Amino acid sequence: MINLSELRVCKSCGNVFAKKAGVSIITSCPHCDGGNFDTVVIDEV
């Protein structure tokens, strides 16, 4: 299971992907190879 806080969103293509793949940290978008992304943030009420 993955938490939403462990996901990133690519600002270029909108792809959502995990920060890590196994022990490796993903540093670029797997879809478009972009490096401009945000972390998913949950607004808790």
PDB file of N, CA and C in Angstrom:
ATOM      1  N   MET A   1       0.843  -1.170   0.000  1.00  0.00           N
ATOM      2  CA  MET A   1       0.000   0.000   0.000  1.00  0.00           C
ATOM      3  C   MET A   1       0.895   1.242   0.000  1.00  0.00           C
ATOM      4  N   ILE A   2       0.439   2.287  -0.655  1.00  0.00           N
ATOM      5  CA  ILE A   2       1.209   3.525  -0.743  1.00  0.00           C
ATOM      6  C   ILE A   2       0.386   4.684  -0.184  1.00  0.00           C
ATOM      7  N   ASN A   3       1.042   5.589   0.501  1.00  0.00           N
ATOM      8  CA  ASN A   3       0.387   6.789   1.013  1.00  0.00           C
ATOM      9  C   ASN A   3       0.412   7.869  -0.058  1.00  0.00           C
ATOM     10  N   LEU A   4      -0.577   8.748  -0.045  1.00  0.00           N
ATOM     11  CA  LEU A   4      -0.620   9.834  -1.016  1.00  0.00           C
ATOM     12  C   LEU A   4       0.590  10.756  -0.895  1.00  0.00           C
ATOM     13  N   SER A   5       1.149  10.881   0.306  1.00  0.00           N
ATOM     14  CA  SER A   5       2.309  11.736   0.504  1.00  0.00           C
ATOM     15  C   SER A   5       3.568  11.174  -0.154  1.00  0.00           C
ATOM     16  N   GLU A   6       3.519   9.927  -0.623  1.00  0.00           N
ATOM     17  CA  GLU A   6       4.649   9.302  -1.291  1.00  0.00           C
ATOM     18  C   GLU A   6       4.566   9.437  -2.809  1.00  0.00           C
ATOM     19  N   LEU A   7       3.609  10.238  -3.292  1.00  0.00           N
ATOM     20  CA  LEU A   7       3.424  10.404  -4.733  1.00  0.00           C
ATOM     21  C   LEU A   7       3.892  11.775  -5.195  1.00  0.00           C
ATOM     22  N   ARG A   8       4.262  11.854  -6.473  1.00  0.00           N
ATOM     23  CA  ARG A   8       4.622  13.114  -7.122  1.00  0.00           C
ATOM     24  C   ARG A   8       3.751  13.292  -8.354  1.00  0.00           C
ATOM     25  N   VAL A   9       3.547  14.559  -8.731  1.00  0.00           N
ATOM     26  CA  VAL A   9       2.787  14.891  -9.930  1.00  0.00           C
ATOM     27  C   VAL A   9       3.688  15.709 -10.841  1.00  0.00           C
ATOM     28  N   CYS A  10       3.836  15.272 -12.079  1.00  0.00           N
ATOM     29  CA  CYS A  10       4.650  15.983 -13.056  1.00  0.00           C
ATOM     30  C   CYS A  10       3.899  17.231 -13.514  1.00  0.00           C
ATOM     31  N   LYS A  11       4.558  18.394 -13.468  1.00  0.00           N
ATOM     32  CA  LYS A  11       3.925  19.642 -13.897  1.00  0.00           C
ATOM     33  C   LYS A  11       3.834  19.736 -15.423  1.00  0.00           C
ATOM     34  N   SER A  12       4.647  18.980 -16.143  1.00  0.00           N
ATOM     35  CA  SER A  12       4.639  19.032 -17.602  1.00  0.00           C
ATOM     36  C   SER A  12       3.517  18.211 -18.224  1.00  0.00           C
ATOM     37  N   CYS A  13       3.358  16.954 -17.765  1.00  0.00           N
ATOM     38  CA  CYS A  13       2.398  16.064 -18.421  1.00  0.00           C
ATOM     39  C   CYS A  13       1.256  15.619 -17.506  1.00  0.00           C
ATOM     40  N   GLY A  14       1.350  15.882 -16.195  1.00  0.00           N
ATOM     41  CA  GLY A  14       0.287  15.494 -15.274  1.00  0.00           C
ATOM     42  C   GLY A  14       0.378  14.068 -14.764  1.00  0.00           C
ATOM     43  N   ASN A  15       1.425  13.361 -15.123  1.00  0.00           N
ATOM     44  CA  ASN A  15       1.614  11.988 -14.682  1.00  0.00           C
ATOM     45  C   ASN A  15       1.800  11.943 -13.163  1.00  0.00           C
ATOM     46  N   VAL A  16       1.174  10.955 -12.506  1.00  0.00           N
ATOM     47  CA  VAL A  16       1.327  10.748 -11.074  1.00  0.00           C
ATOM     48  C   VAL A  16       2.160   9.489 -10.883  1.00  0.00           C
ATOM     49  N   PHE A  17       3.226   9.593 -10.065  1.00  0.00           N
ATOM     50  CA  PHE A  17       4.112   8.451  -9.873  1.00  0.00           C
ATOM     51  C   PHE A  17       4.694   8.477  -8.469  1.00  0.00           C
ATOM     52  N   ALA A  18       5.235   7.354  -8.042  1.00  0.00           N
ATOM     53  CA  ALA A  18       5.808   7.225  -6.705  1.00  0.00           C
ATOM     54  C   ALA A  18       7.168   7.911  -6.641  1.00  0.00           C
ATOM     55  N   LYS A  19       7.533   8.384  -5.438  1.00  0.00           N
ATOM     56  CA  LYS A  19       8.848   9.002  -5.242  1.00  0.00           C
ATOM     57  C   LYS A  19       9.963   7.976  -5.345  1.00  0.00           C
ATOM     58  N   LYS A  20       9.663   6.734  -4.952  1.00  0.00           N
ATOM     59  CA  LYS A  20      10.676   5.687  -4.938  1.00  0.00           C
ATOM     60  C   LYS A  20      10.223   4.474  -5.738  1.00  0.00           C
ATOM     61  N   ALA A  21      11.185   3.791  -6.323  1.00  0.00           N
ATOM     62  CA  ALA A  21      10.964   2.491  -6.954  1.00  0.00           C
ATOM     63  C   ALA A  21      11.937   1.533  -6.275  1.00  0.00           C
ATOM     64  N   GLY A  22      11.441   0.766  -5.333  1.00  0.00           N
ATOM     65  CA  GLY A  22      12.324  -0.075  -4.531  1.00  0.00           C
ATOM     66  C   GLY A  22      13.136   0.798  -3.598  1.00  0.00           C
ATOM     67  N   VAL A  23      14.456   0.794  -3.747  1.00  0.00           N
ATOM     68  CA  VAL A  23      15.316   1.647  -2.929  1.00  0.00           C
ATOM     69  C   VAL A  23      15.784   2.883  -3.689  1.00  0.00           C
ATOM     70  N   SER A  24      15.508   2.953  -4.999  1.00  0.00           N
ATOM     71  CA  SER A  24      15.933   4.087  -5.822  1.00  0.00           C
ATOM     72  C   SER A  24      14.920   5.217  -5.767  1.00  0.00           C
ATOM     73  N   ILE A  25      15.410   6.447  -5.625  1.00  0.00           N
ATOM     74  CA  ILE A  25      14.549   7.626  -5.657  1.00  0.00           C
ATOM     75  C   ILE A  25      14.416   8.070  -7.110  1.00  0.00           C
ATOM     76  N   ILE A  26      13.176   8.246  -7.568  1.00  0.00           N
ATOM     77  CA  ILE A  26      12.915   8.652  -8.948  1.00  0.00           C
ATOM     78  C   ILE A  26      13.121  10.156  -9.051  1.00  0.00           C
ATOM     79  N   THR A  27      14.024  10.584  -9.935  1.00  0.00           N
ATOM     80  CA  THR A  27      14.378  12.000 -10.048  1.00  0.00           C
ATOM     81  C   THR A  27      13.811  12.664 -11.296  1.00  0.00           C
ATOM     82  N   SER A  28      13.161  11.894 -12.166  1.00  0.00           N
ATOM     83  CA  SER A  28      12.515  12.474 -13.351  1.00  0.00           C
ATOM     84  C   SER A  28      11.246  11.695 -13.652  1.00  0.00           C
ATOM     85  N   CYS A  29      10.328  12.337 -14.360  1.00  0.00           N
ATOM     86  CA  CYS A  29       9.055  11.710 -14.698  1.00  0.00           C
ATOM     87  C   CYS A  29       9.288  10.517 -15.624  1.00  0.00           C
ATOM     88  N   PRO A  30       8.742   9.340 -15.288  1.00  0.00           N
ATOM     89  CA  PRO A  30       8.910   8.170 -16.147  1.00  0.00           C
ATOM     90  C   PRO A  30       8.206   8.319 -17.502  1.00  0.00           C
ATOM     91  N   HIS A  31       7.217   9.201 -17.597  1.00  0.00           N
ATOM     92  CA  HIS A  31       6.457   9.354 -18.838  1.00  0.00           C
ATOM     93  C   HIS A  31       7.138  10.315 -19.816  1.00  0.00           C
ATOM     94  N   CYS A  32       7.462  11.521 -19.350  1.00  0.00           N
ATOM     95  CA  CYS A  32       8.003  12.532 -20.267  1.00  0.00           C
ATOM     96  C   CYS A  32       9.454  12.894 -19.962  1.00  0.00           C
ATOM     97  N   ASP A  33      10.044  12.292 -18.946  1.00  0.00           N
ATOM     98  CA  ASP A  33      11.425  12.530 -18.533  1.00  0.00           C
ATOM     99  C   ASP A  33      11.642  13.953 -18.021  1.00  0.00           C
ATOM    100  N   GLY A  34      10.553  14.617 -17.606  1.00  0.00           N
ATOM    101  CA  GLY A  34      10.659  15.967 -17.048  1.00  0.00           C
ATOM    102  C   GLY A  34      11.125  15.936 -15.609  1.00  0.00           C
ATOM    103  N   GLY A  35      11.652  17.049 -15.138  1.00  0.00           N
ATOM    104  CA  GLY A  35      12.148  17.117 -13.773  1.00  0.00           C
ATOM    105  C   GLY A  35      11.414  18.132 -12.921  1.00  0.00           C
ATOM    106  N   ASN A  36      10.294  18.641 -13.426  1.00  0.00           N
ATOM    107  CA  ASN A  36       9.553  19.660 -12.705  1.00  0.00           C
ATOM    108  C   ASN A  36       8.275  19.035 -12.157  1.00  0.00           C
ATOM    109  N   PHE A  37       8.251  18.710 -10.857  1.00  0.00           N
ATOM    110  CA  PHE A  37       7.085  18.059 -10.276  1.00  0.00           C
ATOM    111  C   PHE A  37       6.816  18.540  -8.867  1.00  0.00           C
ATOM    112  N   ASP A  38       5.579  18.300  -8.416  1.00  0.00           N
ATOM    113  CA  ASP A  38       5.126  18.643  -7.073  1.00  0.00           C
ATOM    114  C   ASP A  38       4.856  17.375  -6.291  1.00  0.00           C
ATOM    115  N   THR A  39       4.910  17.484  -4.976  1.00  0.00           N
ATOM    116  CA  THR A  39       4.514  16.402  -4.095  1.00  0.00           C
ATOM    117  C   THR A  39       3.012  16.520  -3.847  1.00  0.00           C
ATOM    118  N   VAL A  40       2.338  15.397  -3.774  1.00  0.00           N
ATOM    119  CA  VAL A  40       0.903  15.402  -3.494  1.00  0.00           C
ATOM    120  C   VAL A  40       0.700  15.844  -2.054  1.00  0.00           C
ATOM    121  N   VAL A  41      -0.157  16.825  -1.846  1.00  0.00           N
ATOM    122  CA  VAL A  41      -0.464  17.346  -0.502  1.00  0.00           C
ATOM    123  C   VAL A  41      -1.953  17.178  -0.258  1.00  0.00           C
ATOM    124  N   ILE A  42      -2.275  16.684   0.929  1.00  0.00           N
ATOM    125  CA  ILE A  42      -3.674  16.463   1.299  1.00  0.00           C
ATOM    126  C   ILE A  42      -4.086  17.554   2.274  1.00  0.00           C
ATOM    127  N   ASP A  43      -5.179  18.229   1.972  1.00  0.00           N
ATOM    128  CA  ASP A  43      -5.735  19.225   2.889  1.00  0.00           C
ATOM    129  C   ASP A  43      -6.679  18.516   3.842  1.00  0.00           C
ATOM    130  N   GLU A  44      -6.253  18.378   5.098  1.00  0.00           N
ATOM    131  CA  GLU A  44      -7.086  17.707   6.091  1.00  0.00           C
ATOM    132  C   GLU A  44      -7.915  18.746   6.818  1.00  0.00           C
ATOM    133  N   VAL A  45      -9.188  18.435   7.021  1.00  0.00           N
ATOM    134  CA  VAL A  45     -10.100  19.369   7.680  1.00  0.00           C
ATOM    135  C   VAL A  45     -10.120  19.095   9.160  1.00  0.00           C
TER     136      VAL A  45
END
